[in-house]
Each structure stands twice: as structure tokens, then as C-alpha cells.
Amino acid sequence: MSKRQLNARPVEKQLFSELLLSNVSTSRQSGMCRMLKENRKKILTGTGFIADLNQNMLTNFSNRRIIYDKETNFGQNEKKQKEWELQIQIELTDLKEFSNE
């Protein structure tokens, strides 16, 4: 996002967009906890599995953020923003049992 785009955005939308991306990150962390729990026997074979799992999760997170930025025009498309909010809330609810909170 260019500096001009960033300055043109209302601060509230910018903050909300960052909060949503924070929730995406929380979803990723909870997903990692779920994957570790589901694959605990593989973990005993060594740390390679964990490193691969972490790399896949980071790649997926980065790709998802790119898609989010494109679909929502960096949080400017309100309809798409609402769709993302709903999807992330569903994911967070589904992963609640794996949360650190």
C-alpha cells in the first residue's frame, strides 16, 4: 500500500483492518496448536515435522493476507470486509478449544 493510500484511509478503517489481520494471526496460532495436538505422535520422531508445519502455516498466512488485501482493497471494500470478518469469527470459534486464552 502506498503512503498516499495509507494517508487517504480513515484512521478507524486502518485500525479495524489491522485488528482483523491480528485475528487472522490468532486463528493461525490456534490452528498450529490444533495441528500439533492432532499430530503429537509425529512430533516424537523429531523437530523436522514441526518446522515443516510452521513453514506451511506461515506461507498460508502470508498468502491469505495478500488475498485479504486484494479482496478488501486494504479494508476499503466494506462488503468484502464484512465477509472476511464473518469468516474469521467462524474460524476463531471453531479453534477456540486450541486457544491459549
N, C-alpha and C. Protein backbone atom coordinates (compact mmCIF):
# COMPACT_ATOMS: atom_id res chain seq x y z
N MET A 1 0.86 -1.16 0.00
CA MET A 1 0.00 0.00 0.00
C MET A 1 0.90 1.22 0.00
N SER A 2 0.59 2.17 -0.86
CA SER A 2 1.41 3.37 -0.94
C SER A 2 1.11 4.29 0.23
N LYS A 3 2.02 5.24 0.47
CA LYS A 3 1.83 6.20 1.54
C LYS A 3 0.58 7.03 1.30
N ARG A 4 0.34 7.36 0.04
CA ARG A 4 -0.85 8.14 -0.30
C ARG A 4 -2.12 7.37 0.07
N GLN A 5 -2.15 6.07 -0.27
CA GLN A 5 -3.32 5.26 0.07
C GLN A 5 -3.51 5.19 1.58
N LEU A 6 -2.41 5.00 2.29
CA LEU A 6 -2.48 4.89 3.73
C LEU A 6 -3.01 6.18 4.35
N ASN A 7 -2.52 7.32 3.89
CA ASN A 7 -2.97 8.60 4.44
C ASN A 7 -4.40 8.92 4.05
N ALA A 8 -4.86 8.38 2.93
CA ALA A 8 -6.22 8.66 2.47
C ALA A 8 -7.25 7.86 3.25
N ARG A 9 -6.84 6.78 3.85
CA ARG A 9 -7.76 5.93 4.60
C ARG A 9 -8.10 6.56 5.93
N PRO A 10 -9.35 6.50 6.31
CA PRO A 10 -9.70 6.95 7.65
C PRO A 10 -8.97 6.10 8.68
N VAL A 11 -8.53 6.72 9.74
CA VAL A 11 -7.77 6.02 10.77
C VAL A 11 -8.57 4.85 11.34
N GLU A 12 -9.87 5.03 11.52
CA GLU A 12 -10.69 3.95 12.09
C GLU A 12 -10.66 2.71 11.21
N LYS A 13 -10.77 2.90 9.89
CA LYS A 13 -10.73 1.74 8.99
C LYS A 13 -9.37 1.07 9.03
N GLN A 14 -8.33 1.88 9.09
CA GLN A 14 -6.99 1.34 9.14
C GLN A 14 -6.80 0.50 10.41
N LEU A 15 -7.23 1.02 11.54
CA LEU A 15 -7.11 0.29 12.80
C LEU A 15 -7.95 -0.98 12.78
N PHE A 16 -9.16 -0.89 12.24
CA PHE A 16 -10.02 -2.06 12.17
C PHE A 16 -9.41 -3.13 11.27
N SER A 17 -8.82 -2.70 10.17
CA SER A 17 -8.17 -3.63 9.26
C SER A 17 -7.02 -4.35 9.96
N GLU A 18 -6.23 -3.61 10.73
CA GLU A 18 -5.13 -4.22 11.47
C GLU A 18 -5.64 -5.19 12.54
N LEU A 19 -6.75 -4.84 13.18
CA LEU A 19 -7.35 -5.73 14.17
C LEU A 19 -7.81 -7.03 13.52
N LEU A 20 -8.42 -6.92 12.35
CA LEU A 20 -8.87 -8.10 11.64
C LEU A 20 -7.68 -8.99 11.29
N LEU A 21 -6.59 -8.39 10.83
CA LEU A 21 -5.41 -9.17 10.50
C LEU A 21 -4.79 -9.80 11.75
N SER A 22 -4.93 -9.14 12.88
CA SER A 22 -4.48 -9.72 14.13
C SER A 22 -5.29 -10.97 14.45
N ASN A 23 -6.60 -10.92 14.16
CA ASN A 23 -7.45 -12.09 14.37
C ASN A 23 -7.06 -13.22 13.42
N VAL A 24 -6.64 -12.87 12.21
CA VAL A 24 -6.15 -13.90 11.28
C VAL A 24 -4.93 -14.57 11.88
N SER A 25 -4.06 -13.78 12.48
CA SER A 25 -2.86 -14.33 13.11
C SER A 25 -3.22 -15.22 14.28
N THR A 26 -4.19 -14.80 15.09
CA THR A 26 -4.65 -15.61 16.21
C THR A 26 -5.22 -16.93 15.71
N SER A 27 -5.96 -16.86 14.62
CA SER A 27 -6.51 -18.06 14.01
C SER A 27 -5.38 -18.99 13.58
N ARG A 28 -4.31 -18.42 13.02
CA ARG A 28 -3.16 -19.21 12.58
C ARG A 28 -2.51 -19.88 13.78
N GLN A 29 -2.35 -19.15 14.88
CA GLN A 29 -1.72 -19.72 16.07
C GLN A 29 -2.57 -20.86 16.64
N SER A 30 -3.87 -20.65 16.71
CA SER A 30 -4.76 -21.70 17.21
C SER A 30 -4.73 -22.90 16.29
N GLY A 31 -4.65 -22.64 14.99
CA GLY A 31 -4.55 -23.72 14.03
C GLY A 31 -3.27 -24.52 14.22
N MET A 32 -2.19 -23.84 14.54
CA MET A 32 -0.92 -24.50 14.80
C MET A 32 -1.05 -25.40 16.03
N CYS A 33 -1.69 -24.88 17.08
CA CYS A 33 -1.90 -25.69 18.29
C CYS A 33 -2.72 -26.94 17.97
N ARG A 34 -3.76 -26.77 17.15
CA ARG A 34 -4.59 -27.90 16.76
C ARG A 34 -3.76 -28.94 16.01
N MET A 35 -2.96 -28.46 15.04
CA MET A 35 -2.15 -29.39 14.25
C MET A 35 -1.13 -30.13 15.12
N LEU A 36 -0.54 -29.43 16.08
CA LEU A 36 0.41 -30.08 16.96
C LEU A 36 -0.27 -31.14 17.81
N LYS A 37 -1.45 -30.81 18.32
CA LYS A 37 -2.19 -31.78 19.14
C LYS A 37 -2.58 -33.00 18.32
N GLU A 38 -3.07 -32.77 17.10
CA GLU A 38 -3.52 -33.87 16.25
C GLU A 38 -2.36 -34.74 15.78
N ASN A 39 -1.16 -34.18 15.73
CA ASN A 39 -0.01 -34.92 15.21
C ASN A 39 1.06 -35.15 16.27
N ARG A 40 0.66 -35.26 17.52
CA ARG A 40 1.62 -35.36 18.61
C ARG A 40 2.54 -36.58 18.48
N LYS A 41 2.07 -37.65 17.89
CA LYS A 41 2.93 -38.82 17.73
C LYS A 41 4.05 -38.54 16.73
N LYS A 42 3.75 -37.77 15.69
CA LYS A 42 4.78 -37.43 14.71
C LYS A 42 5.85 -36.53 15.32
N ILE A 43 5.47 -35.75 16.31
CA ILE A 43 6.41 -34.83 16.95
C ILE A 43 7.53 -35.62 17.64
N LEU A 44 7.19 -36.79 18.15
CA LEU A 44 8.19 -37.62 18.83
C LEU A 44 9.30 -38.08 17.90
N THR A 45 9.05 -38.05 16.59
CA THR A 45 10.07 -38.51 15.65
C THR A 45 11.12 -37.43 15.36
N GLY A 46 10.89 -36.21 15.80
CA GLY A 46 11.88 -35.15 15.60
C GLY A 46 11.22 -33.82 15.30
N THR A 47 12.05 -32.80 15.24
CA THR A 47 11.54 -31.44 15.06
C THR A 47 11.30 -31.07 13.59
N GLY A 48 11.71 -31.90 12.67
CA GLY A 48 11.51 -31.61 11.25
C GLY A 48 10.05 -31.42 10.91
N PHE A 49 9.21 -32.24 11.50
CA PHE A 49 7.77 -32.15 11.26
C PHE A 49 7.25 -30.79 11.72
N ILE A 50 7.68 -30.36 12.90
CA ILE A 50 7.23 -29.07 13.44
C ILE A 50 7.71 -27.93 12.55
N ALA A 51 8.94 -27.98 12.11
CA ALA A 51 9.48 -26.93 11.24
C ALA A 51 8.70 -26.86 9.94
N ASP A 52 8.40 -28.02 9.36
CA ASP A 52 7.62 -28.06 8.11
C ASP A 52 6.21 -27.51 8.33
N LEU A 53 5.60 -27.92 9.43
CA LEU A 53 4.26 -27.46 9.75
C LEU A 53 4.24 -25.94 9.94
N ASN A 54 5.23 -25.43 10.67
CA ASN A 54 5.31 -23.99 10.89
C ASN A 54 5.51 -23.25 9.57
N GLN A 55 6.38 -23.76 8.71
CA GLN A 55 6.62 -23.10 7.42
C GLN A 55 5.35 -23.08 6.58
N ASN A 56 4.63 -24.19 6.57
CA ASN A 56 3.37 -24.23 5.81
C ASN A 56 2.36 -23.24 6.37
N MET A 57 2.26 -23.15 7.68
CA MET A 57 1.32 -22.22 8.30
C MET A 57 1.70 -20.77 7.98
N LEU A 58 2.99 -20.45 8.04
CA LEU A 58 3.44 -19.09 7.72
C LEU A 58 3.17 -18.74 6.26
N THR A 59 3.42 -19.68 5.38
CA THR A 59 3.15 -19.46 3.95
C THR A 59 1.67 -19.23 3.72
N ASN A 60 0.84 -20.08 4.33
CA ASN A 60 -0.61 -19.92 4.19
C ASN A 60 -1.08 -18.58 4.73
N PHE A 61 -0.53 -18.17 5.88
CA PHE A 61 -0.90 -16.89 6.47
C PHE A 61 -0.52 -15.74 5.54
N SER A 62 0.69 -15.78 5.00
CA SER A 62 1.14 -14.71 4.08
C SER A 62 0.26 -14.66 2.84
N ASN A 63 -0.04 -15.80 2.28
CA ASN A 63 -0.89 -15.85 1.09
C ASN A 63 -2.29 -15.34 1.40
N ARG A 64 -2.77 -15.70 2.56
CA ARG A 64 -4.12 -15.25 2.95
C ARG A 64 -4.17 -13.74 3.14
N ARG A 65 -3.12 -13.18 3.70
CA ARG A 65 -3.08 -11.73 3.88
C ARG A 65 -3.07 -11.02 2.53
N ILE A 66 -2.35 -11.56 1.57
CA ILE A 66 -2.33 -10.97 0.22
C ILE A 66 -3.74 -11.00 -0.38
N ILE A 67 -4.42 -12.13 -0.23
CA ILE A 67 -5.79 -12.26 -0.75
C ILE A 67 -6.70 -11.27 -0.04
N TYR A 68 -6.56 -11.16 1.28
CA TYR A 68 -7.38 -10.21 2.04
C TYR A 68 -7.16 -8.79 1.51
N ASP A 69 -5.91 -8.40 1.36
CA ASP A 69 -5.62 -7.04 0.88
C ASP A 69 -6.23 -6.78 -0.49
N LYS A 70 -6.14 -7.77 -1.38
CA LYS A 70 -6.70 -7.60 -2.73
C LYS A 70 -8.22 -7.54 -2.69
N GLU A 71 -8.83 -8.49 -1.97
CA GLU A 71 -10.30 -8.57 -1.96
C GLU A 71 -10.94 -7.38 -1.28
N THR A 72 -10.32 -6.87 -0.23
CA THR A 72 -10.93 -5.77 0.52
C THR A 72 -10.37 -4.41 0.13
N ASN A 73 -9.43 -4.40 -0.83
CA ASN A 73 -8.75 -3.16 -1.19
C ASN A 73 -8.19 -2.51 0.07
N PHE A 74 -7.44 -3.31 0.83
CA PHE A 74 -6.83 -2.87 2.08
C PHE A 74 -7.86 -2.35 3.07
N GLY A 75 -9.01 -3.04 3.14
CA GLY A 75 -10.05 -2.70 4.10
C GLY A 75 -11.04 -1.66 3.62
N GLN A 76 -10.92 -1.20 2.38
CA GLN A 76 -11.80 -0.16 1.86
C GLN A 76 -13.12 -0.69 1.33
N ASN A 77 -13.15 -1.94 0.86
CA ASN A 77 -14.37 -2.55 0.34
C ASN A 77 -15.16 -3.10 1.52
N GLU A 78 -16.17 -2.37 1.94
CA GLU A 78 -16.90 -2.71 3.16
C GLU A 78 -17.62 -4.05 3.06
N LYS A 79 -18.16 -4.37 1.91
CA LYS A 79 -18.87 -5.64 1.74
C LYS A 79 -17.90 -6.81 1.93
N LYS A 80 -16.77 -6.75 1.27
CA LYS A 80 -15.77 -7.82 1.40
C LYS A 80 -15.18 -7.85 2.80
N GLN A 81 -15.02 -6.69 3.41
CA GLN A 81 -14.51 -6.61 4.77
C GLN A 81 -15.43 -7.36 5.72
N LYS A 82 -16.73 -7.16 5.58
CA LYS A 82 -17.71 -7.86 6.43
C LYS A 82 -17.64 -9.37 6.21
N GLU A 83 -17.46 -9.79 4.94
CA GLU A 83 -17.34 -11.22 4.65
C GLU A 83 -16.13 -11.81 5.36
N TRP A 84 -15.01 -11.09 5.32
CA TRP A 84 -13.79 -11.55 5.99
C TRP A 84 -14.00 -11.61 7.50
N GLU A 85 -14.64 -10.61 8.06
CA GLU A 85 -14.91 -10.59 9.50
C GLU A 85 -15.69 -11.83 9.91
N LEU A 86 -16.75 -12.12 9.17
CA LEU A 86 -17.58 -13.28 9.48
C LEU A 86 -16.78 -14.57 9.38
N GLN A 87 -16.02 -14.74 8.32
CA GLN A 87 -15.22 -15.94 8.13
C GLN A 87 -14.21 -16.13 9.25
N ILE A 88 -13.56 -15.06 9.65
CA ILE A 88 -12.55 -15.17 10.70
C ILE A 88 -13.21 -15.47 12.05
N GLN A 89 -14.36 -14.88 12.32
CA GLN A 89 -15.06 -15.18 13.56
C GLN A 89 -15.46 -16.65 13.62
N ILE A 90 -15.90 -17.19 12.50
CA ILE A 90 -16.24 -18.62 12.43
C ILE A 90 -15.00 -19.47 12.72
N GLU A 91 -13.89 -19.11 12.11
CA GLU A 91 -12.65 -19.86 12.31
C GLU A 91 -12.19 -19.79 13.77
N LEU A 92 -12.26 -18.60 14.35
CA LEU A 92 -11.85 -18.45 15.75
C LEU A 92 -12.74 -19.28 16.67
N THR A 93 -14.03 -19.30 16.39
CA THR A 93 -14.95 -20.11 17.18
C THR A 93 -14.62 -21.59 17.04
N ASP A 94 -14.35 -22.03 15.82
CA ASP A 94 -14.01 -23.43 15.58
C ASP A 94 -12.71 -23.84 16.27
N LEU A 95 -11.80 -22.89 16.43
CA LEU A 95 -10.49 -23.19 17.01
C LEU A 95 -10.38 -22.82 18.49
N LYS A 96 -11.49 -22.41 19.09
CA LYS A 96 -11.48 -21.91 20.48
C LYS A 96 -10.82 -22.89 21.45
N GLU A 97 -11.07 -24.18 21.28
CA GLU A 97 -10.52 -25.14 22.22
C GLU A 97 -8.98 -25.24 22.15
N PHE A 98 -8.39 -24.71 21.09
CA PHE A 98 -6.94 -24.74 20.92
C PHE A 98 -6.29 -23.41 21.26
N SER A 99 -7.10 -22.47 21.72
CA SER A 99 -6.62 -21.13 22.05
C SER A 99 -5.79 -21.16 23.33
N ASN A 100 -4.86 -20.22 23.44
CA ASN A 100 -4.05 -20.10 24.65
C ASN A 100 -4.74 -19.27 25.72
N GLU A 101 -5.90 -18.73 25.40
CA GLU A 101 -6.62 -17.86 26.35
C GLU A 101 -7.43 -18.65 27.33
